[in-house]
């Protein structure tokens, strides 16, 4: 059984940028098979890391939404701000 680890990324945007670079390199069609497989594995790890970042953000949003709906805070609307 293969062990599936996620790549360490600082942000979703960083992971997406790295993933896009890997995809572009693979799409060029100039990689030898071994390098192609290595890049594919790296892309899968980045995809998992990006997915984890998105899920983390979704959880934070749900927490914020539940806090806001329990005790809404209203401010006066100022269109000049």
Protein backbone atom coordinates (compact mmCIF):
# COMPACT_ATOMS: atom_id res chain seq x y z
CA UNK A 1 0.00 0.00 0.00
CA UNK A 2 1.39 3.41 -0.89
CA UNK A 3 1.64 6.06 1.77
CA UNK A 4 -0.11 9.30 0.81
CA UNK A 5 1.48 12.37 2.36
CA UNK A 6 0.51 15.96 1.70
CA UNK A 7 2.98 18.56 0.58
CA UNK A 8 3.73 21.35 3.05
CA UNK A 9 2.56 24.67 1.64
CA UNK A 10 2.28 28.06 3.31
CA UNK A 11 -0.88 29.04 1.45
CA UNK A 12 -3.43 27.78 -1.02
CA UNK A 13 -2.10 30.22 -3.60
CA UNK A 14 1.45 28.89 -3.21
CA UNK A 15 0.25 25.33 -3.70
CA UNK A 16 -1.82 26.25 -6.71
CA UNK A 17 1.13 28.07 -8.28
CA UNK A 18 3.40 25.05 -7.80
CA UNK A 19 0.71 22.72 -9.14
CA UNK A 20 0.22 24.88 -12.24
CA UNK A 21 3.98 24.82 -12.89
CA UNK A 22 4.02 21.03 -12.68
CA UNK A 23 1.04 20.73 -15.04
CA UNK A 24 2.66 23.07 -17.58
CA UNK A 25 5.89 21.07 -17.46
CA UNK A 26 4.01 17.81 -17.92
CA UNK A 27 1.91 19.18 -20.78
CA UNK A 28 5.03 20.10 -22.76
CA UNK A 29 5.54 16.38 -23.34
CA UNK A 30 9.31 16.56 -23.05
CA UNK A 31 9.77 14.79 -19.71
CA UNK A 32 11.22 11.30 -19.54
CA UNK A 33 8.89 8.72 -18.05
CA UNK A 34 10.57 8.59 -14.62
CA UNK A 35 10.44 12.37 -14.25
CA UNK A 36 6.83 12.38 -15.44
CA UNK A 37 5.88 9.88 -12.74
CA UNK A 38 7.75 11.88 -10.10
CA UNK A 39 5.99 15.08 -11.16
CA UNK A 40 2.63 13.29 -11.16
CA UNK A 41 3.22 12.14 -7.58
CA UNK A 42 4.29 15.65 -6.54
CA UNK A 43 1.18 17.06 -8.20
CA UNK A 44 -1.05 14.64 -6.30
CA UNK A 45 0.55 15.69 -3.00
CA UNK A 46 0.08 19.36 -3.86
CA UNK A 47 -3.52 18.72 -4.83
CA UNK A 48 -4.15 17.07 -1.47
CA UNK A 49 -2.48 19.99 0.34
CA UNK A 50 -4.57 22.54 -1.57
CA UNK A 51 -7.70 20.54 -0.82
CA UNK A 52 -6.79 20.52 2.89
CA UNK A 53 -6.30 24.32 2.84
CA UNK A 54 -9.71 24.77 1.20
CA UNK A 55 -11.42 22.53 3.74
CA UNK A 56 -9.72 24.45 6.55
CA UNK A 57 -10.98 27.74 5.11
CA UNK A 58 -14.50 26.31 4.75
CA UNK A 59 -14.49 25.25 8.41
CA UNK A 60 -13.37 28.73 9.48
CA UNK A 61 -16.12 30.32 7.41
CA UNK A 62 -18.74 28.01 8.92
CA UNK A 63 -17.52 28.91 12.43
CA UNK A 64 -17.67 32.62 11.61
CA UNK A 65 -21.13 32.26 10.08
CA UNK A 66 -22.45 30.46 13.14
CA UNK A 67 -20.97 33.09 15.46
CA UNK A 68 -22.42 35.92 13.37
CA UNK A 69 -25.89 34.38 13.19
CA UNK A 70 -25.96 33.78 16.96
CA UNK A 71 -25.06 37.37 17.82
CA UNK A 72 -25.20 39.64 14.78
CA UNK A 73 -23.43 42.98 14.98
CA UNK A 74 -24.84 45.74 12.80
CA UNK A 75 -23.05 48.89 11.72
CA UNK A 76 -24.35 51.97 9.97
CA UNK A 77 -23.71 51.86 6.26
CA UNK A 78 -21.45 54.64 5.00
CA UNK A 79 -21.07 54.54 1.18
CA UNK A 80 -18.15 57.00 1.33
CA UNK A 81 -15.92 54.58 3.24
